[in-house]
Amino acid sequence: MPKFVFDDDVDKKEYAYSLLNPAEIKQIESESARWMEPDTIRSILSNNVMKSDEINTLAASIVLHIDTRINYPIFMISNEVYTREDLLEIYPLEDFGKCPEDLTEQQEFGVFPYSVDVYEQSIESKRFDTSLIDDEKNEYVQRRVGSSAPFIKTKDLIHYLCKSAALKRSTKPEESTPFRIVKTKLFIAKQEWGDFIFMHKFARGISMALSIEGGTGHAMKAIAYFINGVIKSLPMICGSQDGQDAACRDQADAGVNDNIDITNLAFSDEDMRLLGNFIDSDNLSAIQE
C-alpha cells in the first residue's frame, strides 16, 4: 500500500470530517489547536479501549472524532498508538523497502443512522441536533479500506447466528447498504506485521545465542535447525529492491534445497547487513567475531 499523504480536500470529502454537520464543523474550525497531538490520542485511547484477553474494542465514534482532528496516520499495534515516525525510528522498515502502511490495514466505516429521516430533517431545518458521529444515534460497521466484504449490521448478524445449522449452510447474513462509507486515518496491524516482528525477535535470539556460546560452533548448529523455516519468510519482508529480492531468492533456494547441509550455513555480507538492521551494533560485532 502506498504511503499515506494527507490532502485536506480529500479528507473533507471522504474521511470522518465529511460526517460532521455544519455546527460541528464551525466548532472544530474555530478551535485554536486544530490538530490533535499524538500524546493526546494515546491518552484518549488508553482510557477508552475495552480489553478482554486478546480482544480489544474501541468505540467507533471515538475513532471518527479523532480522525476529524488529525492530519497524519496513526497505527494501532498491540493496544499501542504509533505515528509513522515512531515506527520508522524503532524498526528498520526502510532498510527492507517497507513503510508502516505496507504492514497494516487502513480502516473505514459504514454508517447506518437509526433514523435517516430524522437526520436529514435536522440538516434541512438547520437545527443540527443530530450527528452522524454518535454511537447512540448511529450504528457503524468497520472493515479495511479496499475490502469487498459486505456490511452486515449487528441485528442481521445475530439473526443469522440464531438460525439452525442447516439454514446457516443454505443462507448468508443479510447485507446492508450504508448511508455513508468513510475512510479513517487509523491503520491496524495485519499478519505481515507479525511476520516482521517474528524476524526481529529471531535475529535478536541469534545475537544472544552466539554471544553466550563463545564461538565453539554448537549454537550455530542449533540455530541452523530453524533457519529453513525462517528463510522462507524473508521474501515477505525484504522489499522490492532488486538486490534485496535477489538475496531473498538465493537464501530461499538454499533453505529448501535438501542437498545443502544447512548446519554449515555461513552469513554472507548481505546476510550480515540485513541481520544488523535488526540488532544493535554491539551484538552484531559479537556475531562477526
C-alpha atoms as a PDB file:
ATOM      1  CA  MET A   1       0.000   0.000   0.000  1.00  0.00           C
ATOM      2  CA  PRO A   2       1.399   3.463  -0.838  1.00  0.00           C
ATOM      3  CA  LYS A   3       2.412   5.806   1.949  1.00  0.00           C
ATOM      4  CA  PHE A   4      -0.488   7.880   3.245  1.00  0.00           C
ATOM      5  CA  VAL A   5      -0.332  11.552   2.266  1.00  0.00           C
ATOM      6  CA  PHE A   6      -2.805  13.965   3.831  1.00  0.00           C
ATOM      7  CA  ASP A   7      -4.933  16.011   1.441  1.00  0.00           C
ATOM      8  CA  ASP A   8      -7.294  18.496   3.074  1.00  0.00           C
ATOM      9  CA  ASP A   9      -9.829  18.442   0.230  1.00  0.00           C
ATOM     10  CA  VAL A  10      -9.943  14.640   0.107  1.00  0.00           C
ATOM     11  CA  ASP A  11     -10.158  14.494   3.890  1.00  0.00           C
ATOM     12  CA  LYS A  12     -13.255  16.677   3.940  1.00  0.00           C
ATOM     13  CA  LYS A  13     -14.979  14.613   1.229  1.00  0.00           C
ATOM     14  CA  GLU A  14     -14.021  11.004   2.017  1.00  0.00           C
ATOM     15  CA  TYR A  15     -12.977  10.832   5.658  1.00  0.00           C
ATOM     16  CA  ALA A  16     -14.732  11.266   9.011  1.00  0.00           C
ATOM     17  CA  TYR A  17     -14.776  15.039   8.575  1.00  0.00           C
ATOM     18  CA  SER A  18     -17.486  14.524   5.923  1.00  0.00           C
ATOM     19  CA  LEU A  19     -19.834  13.212   8.658  1.00  0.00           C
ATOM     20  CA  LEU A  20     -19.806  16.475  10.601  1.00  0.00           C
ATOM     21  CA  ASN A  21     -22.859  18.690  10.462  1.00  0.00           C
ATOM     22  CA  PRO A  22     -22.404  22.464   9.926  1.00  0.00           C
ATOM     23  CA  ALA A  23     -22.496  23.239  13.649  1.00  0.00           C
ATOM     24  CA  GLU A  24     -19.768  20.679  14.376  1.00  0.00           C
ATOM     25  CA  ILE A  25     -17.619  21.978  11.515  1.00  0.00           C
ATOM     26  CA  LYS A  26     -17.906  25.513  12.825  1.00  0.00           C
ATOM     27  CA  GLN A  27     -16.842  24.380  16.287  1.00  0.00           C
ATOM     28  CA  ILE A  28     -13.798  22.446  15.040  1.00  0.00           C
ATOM     29  CA  GLU A  29     -12.643  25.170  12.659  1.00  0.00           C
ATOM     30  CA  SER A  30     -12.849  27.741  15.462  1.00  0.00           C
ATOM     31  CA  GLU A  31     -10.566  25.757  17.789  1.00  0.00           C
ATOM     32  CA  SER A  32      -7.150  27.301  18.268  1.00  0.00           C
ATOM     33  CA  ALA A  33      -5.493  23.875  18.445  1.00  0.00           C
ATOM     34  CA  ARG A  34      -6.990  22.452  15.240  1.00  0.00           C
ATOM     35  CA  TRP A  35      -4.827  19.322  15.117  1.00  0.00           C
ATOM     36  CA  MET A  36      -4.559  16.787  17.926  1.00  0.00           C
ATOM     37  CA  GLU A  37      -1.112  15.726  19.171  1.00  0.00           C
ATOM     38  CA  PRO A  38      -0.151  12.002  19.287  1.00  0.00           C
ATOM     39  CA  ASP A  39       0.158  12.034  23.088  1.00  0.00           C
ATOM     40  CA  THR A  40      -3.393  13.339  23.366  1.00  0.00           C
ATOM     41  CA  ILE A  41      -4.624  10.491  21.164  1.00  0.00           C
ATOM     42  CA  ARG A  42      -2.771   7.936  23.305  1.00  0.00           C
ATOM     43  CA  SER A  43      -4.381   9.359  26.420  1.00  0.00           C
ATOM     44  CA  ILE A  44      -7.878   9.211  24.903  1.00  0.00           C
ATOM     45  CA  LEU A  45      -7.477   5.667  23.618  1.00  0.00           C
ATOM     46  CA  SER A  46      -5.893   4.324  26.808  1.00  0.00           C
ATOM     47  CA  ASN A  47      -8.986   5.427  28.710  1.00  0.00           C
ATOM     48  CA  ASN A  48     -11.489   4.108  26.183  1.00  0.00           C
ATOM     49  CA  VAL A  49     -10.148   0.788  24.873  1.00  0.00           C
ATOM     50  CA  MET A  50     -12.093  -2.135  26.308  1.00  0.00           C
ATOM     51  CA  LYS A  51      -9.757  -5.083  26.778  1.00  0.00           C
ATOM     52  CA  SER A  52     -10.672  -8.740  27.199  1.00  0.00           C
ATOM     53  CA  ASP A  53      -7.717 -11.102  26.830  1.00  0.00           C
ATOM     54  CA  GLU A  54      -6.593 -10.506  23.224  1.00  0.00           C
ATOM     55  CA  ILE A  55      -9.839  -8.877  22.085  1.00  0.00           C
ATOM     56  CA  ASN A  56      -9.748  -5.101  22.016  1.00  0.00           C
ATOM     57  CA  THR A  57     -12.606  -2.864  21.003  1.00  0.00           C
ATOM     58  CA  LEU A  58     -12.803   0.850  20.560  1.00  0.00           C
ATOM     59  CA  ALA A  59     -15.996   2.842  20.162  1.00  0.00           C
ATOM     60  CA  ALA A  60     -16.343   3.855  16.518  1.00  0.00           C
ATOM     61  CA  SER A  61     -17.396   7.367  17.433  1.00  0.00           C
ATOM     62  CA  ILE A  62     -14.081   7.886  19.278  1.00  0.00           C
ATOM     63  CA  VAL A  63     -12.092   6.821  16.211  1.00  0.00           C
ATOM     64  CA  LEU A  64     -14.202   9.083  13.987  1.00  0.00           C
ATOM     65  CA  HIS A  65     -13.930  12.091  16.299  1.00  0.00           C
ATOM     66  CA  ILE A  66     -10.143  11.657  16.480  1.00  0.00           C
ATOM     67  CA  ASP A  67      -9.970  11.332  12.697  1.00  0.00           C
ATOM     68  CA  THR A  68     -11.575  14.751  12.236  1.00  0.00           C
ATOM     69  CA  ARG A  69      -8.742  16.290  14.266  1.00  0.00           C
ATOM     70  CA  ILE A  70      -5.609  14.713  12.794  1.00  0.00           C
ATOM     71  CA  ASN A  71      -3.750  15.297   9.539  1.00  0.00           C
ATOM     72  CA  TYR A  72      -1.466  12.263   9.827  1.00  0.00           C
ATOM     73  CA  PRO A  73      -1.975   8.479  10.040  1.00  0.00           C
ATOM     74  CA  ILE A  74      -1.968   6.635  13.356  1.00  0.00           C
ATOM     75  CA  PHE A  75      -1.028   2.982  13.700  1.00  0.00           C
ATOM     76  CA  MET A  76      -2.573   0.792  16.397  1.00  0.00           C
ATOM     77  CA  ILE A  77      -0.397  -2.196  17.268  1.00  0.00           C
ATOM     78  CA  SER A  78      -0.947  -4.320  20.383  1.00  0.00           C
ATOM     79  CA  ASN A  79      -3.082  -1.611  22.010  1.00  0.00           C
ATOM     80  CA  GLU A  80      -0.369   0.998  21.496  1.00  0.00           C
ATOM     81  CA  VAL A  81      -0.645   4.009  19.201  1.00  0.00           C
ATOM     82  CA  TYR A  82       2.277   4.997  16.989  1.00  0.00           C
ATOM     83  CA  THR A  83       2.927   7.599  14.338  1.00  0.00           C
ATOM     84  CA  ARG A  84       4.787   6.644  11.160  1.00  0.00           C
ATOM     85  CA  GLU A  85       7.870   8.392  12.518  1.00  0.00           C
ATOM     86  CA  ASP A  86       7.689   6.326  15.722  1.00  0.00           C
ATOM     87  CA  LEU A  87       7.703   3.025  13.815  1.00  0.00           C
ATOM     88  CA  LEU A  88      10.468   4.035  11.423  1.00  0.00           C
ATOM     89  CA  GLU A  89      12.623   5.037  14.372  1.00  0.00           C
ATOM     90  CA  ILE A  90      12.005   1.815  16.323  1.00  0.00           C
ATOM     91  CA  TYR A  91      12.100  -0.713  13.459  1.00  0.00           C
ATOM     92  CA  PRO A  92      14.344  -0.945  10.337  1.00  0.00           C
ATOM     93  CA  LEU A  93      11.410  -0.910   7.937  1.00  0.00           C
ATOM     94  CA  GLU A  94      13.024   1.332   5.330  1.00  0.00           C
ATOM     95  CA  ASP A  95      16.037  -0.964   5.042  1.00  0.00           C
ATOM     96  CA  PHE A  96      13.672  -3.648   3.804  1.00  0.00           C
ATOM     97  CA  GLY A  97      11.849  -1.390   1.383  1.00  0.00           C
ATOM     98  CA  LYS A  98       8.785  -1.167   3.607  1.00  0.00           C
ATOM     99  CA  CYS A  99       6.726   1.577   5.200  1.00  0.00           C
ATOM    100  CA  PRO A 100       4.254   1.077   8.080  1.00  0.00           C
ATOM    101  CA  GLU A 101       1.320   1.207   5.654  1.00  0.00           C
ATOM    102  CA  ASP A 102       2.622  -1.971   3.960  1.00  0.00           C
ATOM    103  CA  LEU A 103       2.241  -4.000   7.152  1.00  0.00           C
ATOM    104  CA  THR A 104      -1.026  -2.502   8.399  1.00  0.00           C
ATOM    105  CA  GLU A 105      -4.578  -2.057   7.129  1.00  0.00           C
ATOM    106  CA  GLN A 106      -6.343   1.282   6.791  1.00  0.00           C
ATOM    107  CA  GLN A 107      -9.832   1.215   8.312  1.00  0.00           C
ATOM    108  CA  GLU A 108     -13.158   2.519   7.055  1.00  0.00           C
ATOM    109  CA  PHE A 109     -16.681   2.583   8.482  1.00  0.00           C
ATOM    110  CA  GLY A 110     -20.113   2.030   7.033  1.00  0.00           C
ATOM    111  CA  VAL A 111     -22.525   4.416   8.757  1.00  0.00           C
ATOM    112  CA  PHE A 112     -26.126   3.399   9.487  1.00  0.00           C
ATOM    113  CA  PRO A 113     -28.235   6.148  11.131  1.00  0.00           C
ATOM    114  CA  TYR A 114     -31.027   4.692  13.235  1.00  0.00           C
ATOM    115  CA  SER A 115     -33.278   7.231  11.517  1.00  0.00           C
ATOM    116  CA  VAL A 116     -32.112   8.715   8.214  1.00  0.00           C
ATOM    117  CA  ASP A 117     -35.250  10.874   8.013  1.00  0.00           C
ATOM    118  CA  VAL A 118     -34.601  12.468  11.392  1.00  0.00           C
ATOM    119  CA  TYR A 119     -31.004  13.239  10.443  1.00  0.00           C
ATOM    120  CA  GLU A 120     -31.936  14.799   7.081  1.00  0.00           C
ATOM    121  CA  GLN A 121     -34.764  16.839   8.666  1.00  0.00           C
ATOM    122  CA  SER A 122     -32.296  18.142  11.240  1.00  0.00           C
ATOM    123  CA  ILE A 123     -29.973  19.370   8.469  1.00  0.00           C
ATOM    124  CA  GLU A 124     -32.766  20.858   6.366  1.00  0.00           C
ATOM    125  CA  SER A 125     -34.230  22.752   9.319  1.00  0.00           C
ATOM    126  CA  LYS A 126     -30.722  23.812  10.456  1.00  0.00           C
ATOM    127  CA  ARG A 127     -31.366  22.524  13.960  1.00  0.00           C
ATOM    128  CA  PHE A 128     -28.211  20.390  13.759  1.00  0.00           C
ATOM    129  CA  ASP A 129     -29.318  18.426  16.818  1.00  0.00           C
ATOM    130  CA  THR A 130     -28.404  15.069  15.295  1.00  0.00           C
ATOM    131  CA  SER A 131     -24.984  13.841  14.233  1.00  0.00           C
ATOM    132  CA  LEU A 132     -23.510  11.041  12.165  1.00  0.00           C
ATOM    133  CA  ILE A 133     -20.751  10.689  14.767  1.00  0.00           C
ATOM    134  CA  ASP A 134     -22.769   9.490  17.718  1.00  0.00           C
ATOM    135  CA  ASP A 135     -22.912   5.883  18.968  1.00  0.00           C
ATOM    136  CA  GLU A 136     -26.371   6.425  20.416  1.00  0.00           C
ATOM    137  CA  LYS A 137     -27.905   7.560  17.123  1.00  0.00           C
ATOM    138  CA  ASN A 138     -25.939   5.530  14.575  1.00  0.00           C
ATOM    139  CA  GLU A 139     -24.547   2.068  14.008  1.00  0.00           C
ATOM    140  CA  TYR A 140     -21.102   1.565  12.485  1.00  0.00           C
ATOM    141  CA  VAL A 141     -19.615  -1.432  10.700  1.00  0.00           C
ATOM    142  CA  GLN A 142     -15.857  -1.461  10.350  1.00  0.00           C
ATOM    143  CA  ARG A 143     -13.684  -3.056   7.669  1.00  0.00           C
ATOM    144  CA  ARG A 144     -10.378  -2.444   5.916  1.00  0.00           C
ATOM    145  CA  VAL A 145     -10.215   0.027   3.047  1.00  0.00           C
ATOM    146  CA  GLY A 146     -10.466  -1.800  -0.269  1.00  0.00           C
ATOM    147  CA  SER A 147     -12.225  -4.824   1.188  1.00  0.00           C
ATOM    148  CA  SER A 148     -15.051  -6.437  -0.750  1.00  0.00           C
ATOM    149  CA  ALA A 149     -16.554  -7.822   2.463  1.00  0.00           C
ATOM    150  CA  PRO A 150     -20.227  -6.859   2.814  1.00  0.00           C
ATOM    151  CA  PHE A 151     -21.519  -4.591   5.535  1.00  0.00           C
ATOM    152  CA  ILE A 152     -23.613  -6.643   7.954  1.00  0.00           C
ATOM    153  CA  LYS A 153     -25.467  -4.856  10.741  1.00  0.00           C
ATOM    154  CA  THR A 154     -25.421  -6.281  14.235  1.00  0.00           C
ATOM    155  CA  LYS A 155     -29.089  -7.295  14.327  1.00  0.00           C
ATOM    156  CA  ASP A 156     -28.757  -9.108  10.984  1.00  0.00           C
ATOM    157  CA  LEU A 157     -25.657 -10.956  12.167  1.00  0.00           C
ATOM    158  CA  ILE A 158     -27.389 -12.039  15.388  1.00  0.00           C
ATOM    159  CA  HIS A 159     -30.430 -13.155  13.403  1.00  0.00           C
ATOM    160  CA  TYR A 160     -28.195 -15.292  11.179  1.00  0.00           C
ATOM    161  CA  LEU A 161     -26.272 -16.804  14.094  1.00  0.00           C
ATOM    162  CA  CYS A 162     -29.522 -17.833  15.763  1.00  0.00           C
ATOM    163  CA  LYS A 163     -30.578 -19.917  12.767  1.00  0.00           C
ATOM    164  CA  SER A 164     -30.245 -23.686  12.721  1.00  0.00           C
ATOM    165  CA  ALA A 165     -27.096 -25.271  11.327  1.00  0.00           C
ATOM    166  CA  ALA A 166     -28.970 -26.345   8.182  1.00  0.00           C
ATOM    167  CA  LEU A 167     -30.219 -22.828   7.473  1.00  0.00           C
ATOM    168  CA  LYS A 168     -26.763 -21.377   8.059  1.00  0.00           C
ATOM    169  CA  ARG A 169     -25.360 -23.641   5.367  1.00  0.00           C
ATOM    170  CA  SER A 170     -28.009 -22.595   2.861  1.00  0.00           C
ATOM    171  CA  THR A 171     -28.173 -18.880   3.602  1.00  0.00           C
ATOM    172  CA  LYS A 172     -25.909 -15.916   4.296  1.00  0.00           C
ATOM    173  CA  PRO A 173     -26.257 -12.998   6.700  1.00  0.00           C
ATOM    174  CA  GLU A 174     -28.327 -10.194   5.232  1.00  0.00           C
ATOM    175  CA  GLU A 175     -26.174  -7.481   3.714  1.00  0.00           C
ATOM    176  CA  SER A 176     -26.964  -3.793   4.185  1.00  0.00           C
ATOM    177  CA  THR A 177     -26.092  -0.691   2.202  1.00  0.00           C
ATOM    178  CA  PRO A 178     -24.628   2.041   4.450  1.00  0.00           C
ATOM    179  CA  PHE A 179     -25.971   5.571   4.410  1.00  0.00           C
ATOM    180  CA  ARG A 180     -22.337   6.658   4.095  1.00  0.00           C
ATOM    181  CA  ILE A 181     -18.905   4.989   3.891  1.00  0.00           C
ATOM    182  CA  VAL A 182     -15.976   6.963   5.249  1.00  0.00           C
ATOM    183  CA  LYS A 183     -12.272   6.254   5.462  1.00  0.00           C
ATOM    184  CA  THR A 184     -10.191   6.948   8.545  1.00  0.00           C
ATOM    185  CA  LYS A 185      -6.528   7.575   9.167  1.00  0.00           C
ATOM    186  CA  LEU A 186      -6.417   4.615  11.559  1.00  0.00           C
ATOM    187  CA  PHE A 187      -4.233   1.692  10.480  1.00  0.00           C
ATOM    188  CA  ILE A 188      -4.305  -1.659  12.316  1.00  0.00           C
ATOM    189  CA  ALA A 189      -1.527  -4.265  12.233  1.00  0.00           C
ATOM    190  CA  LYS A 190      -2.099  -7.265   9.949  1.00  0.00           C
ATOM    191  CA  GLN A 191      -0.392 -10.662   9.604  1.00  0.00           C
ATOM    192  CA  GLU A 192       2.643  -9.253   7.798  1.00  0.00           C
ATOM    193  CA  TRP A 193       3.405  -7.134  10.854  1.00  0.00           C
ATOM    194  CA  GLY A 194       3.500 -10.276  12.980  1.00  0.00           C
ATOM    195  CA  ASP A 195       5.912 -11.868  10.494  1.00  0.00           C
ATOM    196  CA  PHE A 196       8.174  -8.830  10.654  1.00  0.00           C
ATOM    197  CA  ILE A 197       8.212  -8.812  14.455  1.00  0.00           C
ATOM    198  CA  PHE A 198       8.981 -12.545  14.472  1.00  0.00           C
ATOM    199  CA  MET A 199      12.069 -11.894  12.338  1.00  0.00           C
ATOM    200  CA  HIS A 200      13.057  -9.072  14.655  1.00  0.00           C
ATOM    201  CA  LYS A 201      12.891 -11.357  17.686  1.00  0.00           C
ATOM    202  CA  PHE A 202      14.594 -14.207  15.839  1.00  0.00           C
ATOM    203  CA  ALA A 203      17.561 -12.012  14.905  1.00  0.00           C
ATOM    204  CA  ARG A 204      17.963 -10.903  18.499  1.00  0.00           C
ATOM    205  CA  GLY A 205      17.820 -14.540  19.569  1.00  0.00           C
ATOM    206  CA  ILE A 206      20.671 -15.408  17.211  1.00  0.00           C
ATOM    207  CA  SER A 207      22.640 -12.491  18.587  1.00  0.00           C
ATOM    208  CA  MET A 208      22.194 -13.620  22.187  1.00  0.00           C
ATOM    209  CA  ALA A 209      22.901 -17.303  21.462  1.00  0.00           C
ATOM    210  CA  LEU A 210      26.118 -16.658  19.579  1.00  0.00           C
ATOM    211  CA  SER A 211      27.340 -14.164  22.161  1.00  0.00           C
ATOM    212  CA  ILE A 212      26.786 -16.654  25.013  1.00  0.00           C
ATOM    213  CA  GLU A 213      28.111 -19.674  23.113  1.00  0.00           C
ATOM    214  CA  GLY A 214      31.575 -18.191  22.695  1.00  0.00           C
ATOM    215  CA  GLY A 215      32.474 -19.389  19.203  1.00  0.00           C
ATOM    216  CA  THR A 216      32.592 -23.198  19.564  1.00  0.00           C
ATOM    217  CA  GLY A 217      30.059 -23.656  16.755  1.00  0.00           C
ATOM    218  CA  HIS A 218      27.436 -25.603  18.711  1.00  0.00           C
ATOM    219  CA  ALA A 219      24.995 -22.681  18.872  1.00  0.00           C
ATOM    220  CA  MET A 220      25.154 -22.170  15.108  1.00  0.00           C
ATOM    221  CA  LYS A 221      24.191 -25.806  14.500  1.00  0.00           C
ATOM    222  CA  ALA A 222      21.210 -25.490  16.805  1.00  0.00           C
ATOM    223  CA  ILE A 223      20.134 -22.205  15.243  1.00  0.00           C
ATOM    224  CA  ALA A 224      20.520 -23.631  11.726  1.00  0.00           C
ATOM    225  CA  TYR A 225      17.753 -26.102  12.519  1.00  0.00           C
ATOM    226  CA  PHE A 226      15.322 -23.187  12.479  1.00  0.00           C
ATOM    227  CA  ILE A 227      16.826 -21.357   9.507  1.00  0.00           C
ATOM    228  CA  ASN A 228      14.990 -23.422   6.893  1.00  0.00           C
ATOM    229  CA  GLY A 229      11.587 -22.198   8.040  1.00  0.00           C
ATOM    230  CA  VAL A 230      12.675 -18.645   8.781  1.00  0.00           C
ATOM    231  CA  ILE A 231      14.363 -18.117   5.416  1.00  0.00           C
ATOM    232  CA  LYS A 232      11.067 -18.779   3.670  1.00  0.00           C
ATOM    233  CA  SER A 233       9.676 -15.655   5.368  1.00  0.00           C
ATOM    234  CA  LEU A 234      12.407 -13.378   4.020  1.00  0.00           C
ATOM    235  CA  PRO A 235      10.735 -12.565   0.659  1.00  0.00           C
ATOM    236  CA  MET A 236       7.735 -11.137   2.531  1.00  0.00           C
ATOM    237  CA  ILE A 237       9.818  -8.567   4.389  1.00  0.00           C
ATOM    238  CA  CYS A 238      12.752  -7.870   2.085  1.00  0.00           C
ATOM    239  CA  GLY A 239      11.024  -5.239  -0.009  1.00  0.00           C
ATOM    240  CA  SER A 240      11.067  -4.664  -3.734  1.00  0.00           C
ATOM    241  CA  GLN A 241      14.643  -3.539  -4.359  1.00  0.00           C
ATOM    242  CA  ASP A 242      16.367  -5.747  -6.936  1.00  0.00           C
ATOM    243  CA  GLY A 243      19.350  -6.512  -4.759  1.00  0.00           C
ATOM    244  CA  GLN A 244      17.199  -7.432  -1.785  1.00  0.00           C
ATOM    245  CA  ASP A 245      14.903  -9.588  -3.935  1.00  0.00           C
ATOM    246  CA  ALA A 246      17.885 -11.467  -5.312  1.00  0.00           C
ATOM    247  CA  ALA A 247      19.255 -12.032  -1.814  1.00  0.00           C
ATOM    248  CA  CYS A 248      15.891 -13.344  -0.662  1.00  0.00           C
ATOM    249  CA  ARG A 249      15.611 -15.724  -3.610  1.00  0.00           C
ATOM    250  CA  ASP A 250      19.126 -17.051  -3.087  1.00  0.00           C
ATOM    251  CA  GLN A 251      18.514 -17.705   0.591  1.00  0.00           C
ATOM    252  CA  ALA A 252      15.096 -19.258  -0.043  1.00  0.00           C
ATOM    253  CA  ASP A 253      16.618 -21.588  -2.629  1.00  0.00           C
ATOM    254  CA  ALA A 254      19.295 -22.644  -0.163  1.00  0.00           C
ATOM    255  CA  GLY A 255      16.725 -23.254   2.557  1.00  0.00           C
ATOM    256  CA  VAL A 256      14.555 -25.587   0.501  1.00  0.00           C
ATOM    257  CA  ASN A 257      17.381 -27.498  -1.212  1.00  0.00           C
ATOM    258  CA  ASP A 258      17.670 -30.858   0.523  1.00  0.00           C
ATOM    259  CA  ASN A 259      21.175 -31.357  -0.871  1.00  0.00           C
ATOM    260  CA  ILE A 260      22.575 -28.436   1.095  1.00  0.00           C
ATOM    261  CA  ASP A 261      23.718 -29.004   4.665  1.00  0.00           C
ATOM    262  CA  ILE A 262      22.151 -26.045   6.451  1.00  0.00           C
ATOM    263  CA  THR A 263      24.218 -26.748   9.568  1.00  0.00           C
ATOM    264  CA  ASN A 264      27.171 -25.344   7.607  1.00  0.00           C
ATOM    265  CA  LEU A 265      25.421 -22.142   6.575  1.00  0.00           C
ATOM    266  CA  ALA A 266      27.590 -19.038   6.840  1.00  0.00           C
ATOM    267  CA  PHE A 267      26.373 -15.457   6.871  1.00  0.00           C
ATOM    268  CA  SER A 268      27.337 -13.504   3.738  1.00  0.00           C
ATOM    269  CA  ASP A 269      27.997  -9.772   3.855  1.00  0.00           C
ATOM    270  CA  GLU A 270      24.414  -9.187   2.668  1.00  0.00           C
ATOM    271  CA  ASP A 271      23.083 -11.509   5.382  1.00  0.00           C
ATOM    272  CA  MET A 272      25.050  -9.592   7.981  1.00  0.00           C
ATOM    273  CA  ARG A 273      23.776  -6.253   6.700  1.00  0.00           C
ATOM    274  CA  LEU A 274      20.140  -7.359   6.898  1.00  0.00           C
ATOM    275  CA  LEU A 275      20.681  -9.052  10.250  1.00  0.00           C
ATOM    276  CA  GLY A 276      22.484  -5.997  11.549  1.00  0.00           C
ATOM    277  CA  ASN A 277      19.422  -3.873  10.872  1.00  0.00           C
ATOM    278  CA  PHE A 278      17.510  -5.953  13.409  1.00  0.00           C
ATOM    279  CA  ILE A 279      20.025  -5.886  16.250  1.00  0.00           C
ATOM    280  CA  ASP A 280      22.296  -3.382  17.921  1.00  0.00           C
ATOM    281  CA  SER A 281      25.876  -2.850  16.793  1.00  0.00           C
ATOM    282  CA  ASP A 282      27.428  -4.390  19.911  1.00  0.00           C
ATOM    283  CA  ASN A 283      25.710  -7.724  19.375  1.00  0.00           C
ATOM    284  CA  LEU A 284      26.469  -7.563  15.652  1.00  0.00           C
ATOM    285  CA  SER A 285      30.165  -7.263  16.447  1.00  0.00           C
ATOM    286  CA  ALA A 286      29.916 -10.344  18.647  1.00  0.00           C
ATOM    287  CA  ILE A 287      28.435 -12.349  15.752  1.00  0.00           C
ATOM    288  CA  GLN A 288      31.082 -11.197  13.299  1.00  0.00           C
ATOM    289  CA  GLU A 289      33.869 -12.190  15.652  1.00  0.00           C
END
